[in-house]
Amino acid sequence: MTDFQRDDRARVADELARAKAEGRLTDAEYEERLRYVAAATSYTELAALTADLPGDAPTAPPRRSRKRRSKKRRYVVYVLVTGVNFLVWGILSLSLGFVLYPWWVWVALFWGLLVLIAP
């Protein structure tokens, strides 16, 4: 038996072991197929031993990191709250007929620093 034949048999045996570990083969099926690997006389026989195995389980799509989403959410909330504060200040200033002290700036600055510093 050449090294090439040994390598092919080892490759098929490894694939069968992986399938058994993943639960795609029962113990009885695994033992039976290993006997066929040892008795195989052609590449076609070796290929037939793994042809009917179910494919690998599909992997889940990569998820965006939670940290990235939470940071984006913080920016959106910051802009919305700052906008509401500015709107309240503007409505009060217009209804009173003079410009009020821009108190909303302190809220925006303090909260903005917290949003930038937070991990």
C-alpha atoms as a PDB file:
ATOM      1  CA  MET A   1       0.000   0.000   0.000  1.00  0.00           C
ATOM      2  CA  THR A   2       1.470   3.344  -1.001  1.00  0.00           C
ATOM      3  CA  ASP A   3       1.623   6.419   1.174  1.00  0.00           C
ATOM      4  CA  PHE A   4      -0.911   8.032  -1.107  1.00  0.00           C
ATOM      5  CA  GLN A   5      -3.434   5.258  -0.409  1.00  0.00           C
ATOM      6  CA  ARG A   6      -2.735   5.498   3.320  1.00  0.00           C
ATOM      7  CA  ASP A   7      -3.273   9.237   3.197  1.00  0.00           C
ATOM      8  CA  ASP A   8      -6.593   8.804   1.402  1.00  0.00           C
ATOM      9  CA  ARG A   9      -7.766   6.217   3.909  1.00  0.00           C
ATOM     10  CA  ALA A  10      -6.658   8.425   6.810  1.00  0.00           C
ATOM     11  CA  ARG A  11      -8.457  11.421   5.316  1.00  0.00           C
ATOM     12  CA  VAL A  12     -11.716   9.474   4.980  1.00  0.00           C
ATOM     13  CA  ALA A  13     -11.322   8.015   8.482  1.00  0.00           C
ATOM     14  CA  ASP A  14     -10.770  11.525   9.893  1.00  0.00           C
ATOM     15  CA  GLU A  15     -13.861  12.800   8.097  1.00  0.00           C
ATOM     16  CA  LEU A  16     -15.900   9.910   9.495  1.00  0.00           C
ATOM     17  CA  ALA A  17     -14.572  10.582  13.016  1.00  0.00           C
ATOM     18  CA  ARG A  18     -15.501  14.249  12.677  1.00  0.00           C
ATOM     19  CA  ALA A  19     -18.994  13.291  11.499  1.00  0.00           C
ATOM     20  CA  LYS A  20     -19.393  10.954  14.480  1.00  0.00           C
ATOM     21  CA  ALA A  21     -18.224  13.663  16.892  1.00  0.00           C
ATOM     22  CA  GLU A  22     -20.749  16.101  15.402  1.00  0.00           C
ATOM     23  CA  GLY A  23     -23.542  13.530  15.762  1.00  0.00           C
ATOM     24  CA  ARG A  24     -24.018  12.938  12.053  1.00  0.00           C
ATOM     25  CA  LEU A  25     -23.158   9.210  12.451  1.00  0.00           C
ATOM     26  CA  THR A  26     -24.141   6.674  15.071  1.00  0.00           C
ATOM     27  CA  ASP A  27     -21.525   4.432  16.672  1.00  0.00           C
ATOM     28  CA  ALA A  28     -22.683   1.434  14.627  1.00  0.00           C
ATOM     29  CA  GLU A  29     -22.537   3.376  11.345  1.00  0.00           C
ATOM     30  CA  TYR A  30     -19.100   4.696  12.217  1.00  0.00           C
ATOM     31  CA  GLU A  31     -17.690   1.225  12.971  1.00  0.00           C
ATOM     32  CA  GLU A  32     -19.209  -0.220   9.811  1.00  0.00           C
ATOM     33  CA  ARG A  33     -17.795   2.538   7.620  1.00  0.00           C
ATOM     34  CA  LEU A  34     -14.364   2.179   9.208  1.00  0.00           C
ATOM     35  CA  ARG A  35     -14.387  -1.498   8.209  1.00  0.00           C
ATOM     36  CA  TYR A  36     -15.258  -0.462   4.650  1.00  0.00           C
ATOM     37  CA  VAL A  37     -12.405   2.073   4.675  1.00  0.00           C
ATOM     38  CA  ALA A  38      -9.941  -0.712   5.485  1.00  0.00           C
ATOM     39  CA  ALA A  39     -11.444  -2.979   2.815  1.00  0.00           C
ATOM     40  CA  ALA A  40     -11.762  -0.345   0.064  1.00  0.00           C
ATOM     41  CA  THR A  41      -9.845  -1.108  -3.118  1.00  0.00           C
ATOM     42  CA  SER A  42     -10.565   2.040  -5.119  1.00  0.00           C
ATOM     43  CA  TYR A  43     -10.972   5.752  -4.685  1.00  0.00           C
ATOM     44  CA  THR A  44     -14.617   5.445  -5.733  1.00  0.00           C
ATOM     45  CA  GLU A  45     -15.325   3.139  -2.785  1.00  0.00           C
ATOM     46  CA  LEU A  46     -13.663   5.599  -0.413  1.00  0.00           C
ATOM     47  CA  ALA A  47     -15.631   8.520  -1.824  1.00  0.00           C
ATOM     48  CA  ALA A  48     -18.905   6.607  -1.478  1.00  0.00           C
ATOM     49  CA  LEU A  49     -18.334   6.232   2.284  1.00  0.00           C
ATOM     50  CA  THR A  50     -18.638   9.970   2.869  1.00  0.00           C
ATOM     51  CA  ALA A  51     -20.878  11.005  -0.038  1.00  0.00           C
ATOM     52  CA  ASP A  52     -24.142  10.501   1.846  1.00  0.00           C
ATOM     53  CA  LEU A  53     -23.122  12.333   5.007  1.00  0.00           C
ATOM     54  CA  PRO A  54     -25.096  15.504   5.734  1.00  0.00           C
ATOM     55  CA  GLY A  55     -23.096  18.667   5.199  1.00  0.00           C
ATOM     56  CA  ASP A  56     -21.617  20.698   7.987  1.00  0.00           C
ATOM     57  CA  ALA A  57     -24.081  22.631  10.074  1.00  0.00           C
ATOM     58  CA  PRO A  58     -24.521  26.158   8.735  1.00  0.00           C
ATOM     59  CA  THR A  59     -22.778  28.793  10.758  1.00  0.00           C
ATOM     60  CA  ALA A  60     -24.634  31.792  12.061  1.00  0.00           C
ATOM     61  CA  PRO A  61     -23.899  35.095  10.333  1.00  0.00           C
ATOM     62  CA  PRO A  62     -21.475  37.269  12.241  1.00  0.00           C
ATOM     63  CA  ARG A  63     -23.212  39.492  14.737  1.00  0.00           C
ATOM     64  CA  ARG A  64     -22.377  43.088  15.217  1.00  0.00           C
ATOM     65  CA  SER A  65     -20.779  43.671  18.522  1.00  0.00           C
ATOM     66  CA  ARG A  66     -23.046  44.709  21.346  1.00  0.00           C
ATOM     67  CA  LYS A  67     -20.592  47.437  22.290  1.00  0.00           C
ATOM     68  CA  ARG A  68     -20.858  49.045  18.868  1.00  0.00           C
ATOM     69  CA  ARG A  69     -24.659  48.965  18.925  1.00  0.00           C
ATOM     70  CA  SER A  70     -24.866  50.414  22.421  1.00  0.00           C
ATOM     71  CA  LYS A  71     -22.480  53.237  21.518  1.00  0.00           C
ATOM     72  CA  LYS A  72     -24.542  54.108  18.450  1.00  0.00           C
ATOM     73  CA  ARG A  73     -27.694  53.996  20.555  1.00  0.00           C
ATOM     74  CA  ARG A  74     -26.110  56.385  23.084  1.00  0.00           C
ATOM     75  CA  TYR A  75     -25.300  58.881  20.328  1.00  0.00           C
ATOM     76  CA  VAL A  76     -28.848  58.737  18.982  1.00  0.00           C
ATOM     77  CA  VAL A  77     -30.374  59.251  22.440  1.00  0.00           C
ATOM     78  CA  TYR A  78     -27.939  62.088  23.113  1.00  0.00           C
ATOM     79  CA  VAL A  79     -28.896  63.909  19.918  1.00  0.00           C
ATOM     80  CA  LEU A  80     -32.616  63.403  20.546  1.00  0.00           C
ATOM     81  CA  VAL A  81     -32.515  64.662  24.147  1.00  0.00           C
ATOM     82  CA  THR A  82     -30.338  67.620  23.212  1.00  0.00           C
ATOM     83  CA  GLY A  83     -32.736  68.437  20.387  1.00  0.00           C
ATOM     84  CA  VAL A  84     -35.748  68.299  22.718  1.00  0.00           C
ATOM     85  CA  ASN A  85     -33.997  70.566  25.246  1.00  0.00           C
ATOM     86  CA  PHE A  86     -33.107  73.018  22.500  1.00  0.00           C
ATOM     87  CA  LEU A  87     -36.681  72.941  21.211  1.00  0.00           C
ATOM     88  CA  VAL A  88     -38.105  73.646  24.695  1.00  0.00           C
ATOM     89  CA  TRP A  89     -35.634  76.512  25.147  1.00  0.00           C
ATOM     90  CA  GLY A  90     -36.562  77.933  21.736  1.00  0.00           C
ATOM     91  CA  ILE A  91     -40.318  77.726  22.354  1.00  0.00           C
ATOM     92  CA  LEU A  92     -39.955  79.383  25.767  1.00  0.00           C
ATOM     93  CA  SER A  93     -37.750  82.134  24.346  1.00  0.00           C
ATOM     94  CA  LEU A  94     -40.213  82.830  21.515  1.00  0.00           C
ATOM     95  CA  SER A  95     -43.256  82.790  23.760  1.00  0.00           C
ATOM     96  CA  LEU A  96     -41.678  85.156  26.302  1.00  0.00           C
ATOM     97  CA  GLY A  97     -40.441  87.546  23.647  1.00  0.00           C
ATOM     98  CA  PHE A  98     -36.776  87.541  24.697  1.00  0.00           C
ATOM     99  CA  VAL A  99     -33.887  85.079  24.566  1.00  0.00           C
ATOM    100  CA  LEU A 100     -33.533  83.032  27.750  1.00  0.00           C
ATOM    101  CA  TYR A 101     -30.239  81.897  29.163  1.00  0.00           C
ATOM    102  CA  PRO A 102     -29.156  78.884  27.028  1.00  0.00           C
ATOM    103  CA  TRP A 103     -29.405  76.308  29.834  1.00  0.00           C
ATOM    104  CA  TRP A 104     -29.679  73.448  27.345  1.00  0.00           C
ATOM    105  CA  VAL A 105     -25.975  73.897  26.534  1.00  0.00           C
ATOM    106  CA  TRP A 106     -24.999  72.642  30.000  1.00  0.00           C
ATOM    107  CA  VAL A 107     -27.109  69.519  29.584  1.00  0.00           C
ATOM    108  CA  ALA A 108     -25.664  68.931  26.118  1.00  0.00           C
ATOM    109  CA  LEU A 109     -22.044  69.473  27.219  1.00  0.00           C
ATOM    110  CA  PHE A 110     -22.207  67.346  30.345  1.00  0.00           C
ATOM    111  CA  TRP A 111     -24.052  64.496  28.682  1.00  0.00           C
ATOM    112  CA  GLY A 112     -21.899  64.784  25.563  1.00  0.00           C
ATOM    113  CA  LEU A 113     -18.750  64.315  27.628  1.00  0.00           C
ATOM    114  CA  LEU A 114     -20.252  61.259  29.290  1.00  0.00           C
ATOM    115  CA  VAL A 115     -21.184  59.765  25.926  1.00  0.00           C
ATOM    116  CA  LEU A 116     -17.675  60.340  24.560  1.00  0.00           C
ATOM    117  CA  ILE A 117     -15.870  59.021  27.636  1.00  0.00           C
ATOM    118  CA  ALA A 118     -18.048  55.954  28.226  1.00  0.00           C
ATOM    119  CA  PRO A 119     -16.602  52.697  26.848  1.00  0.00           C
END
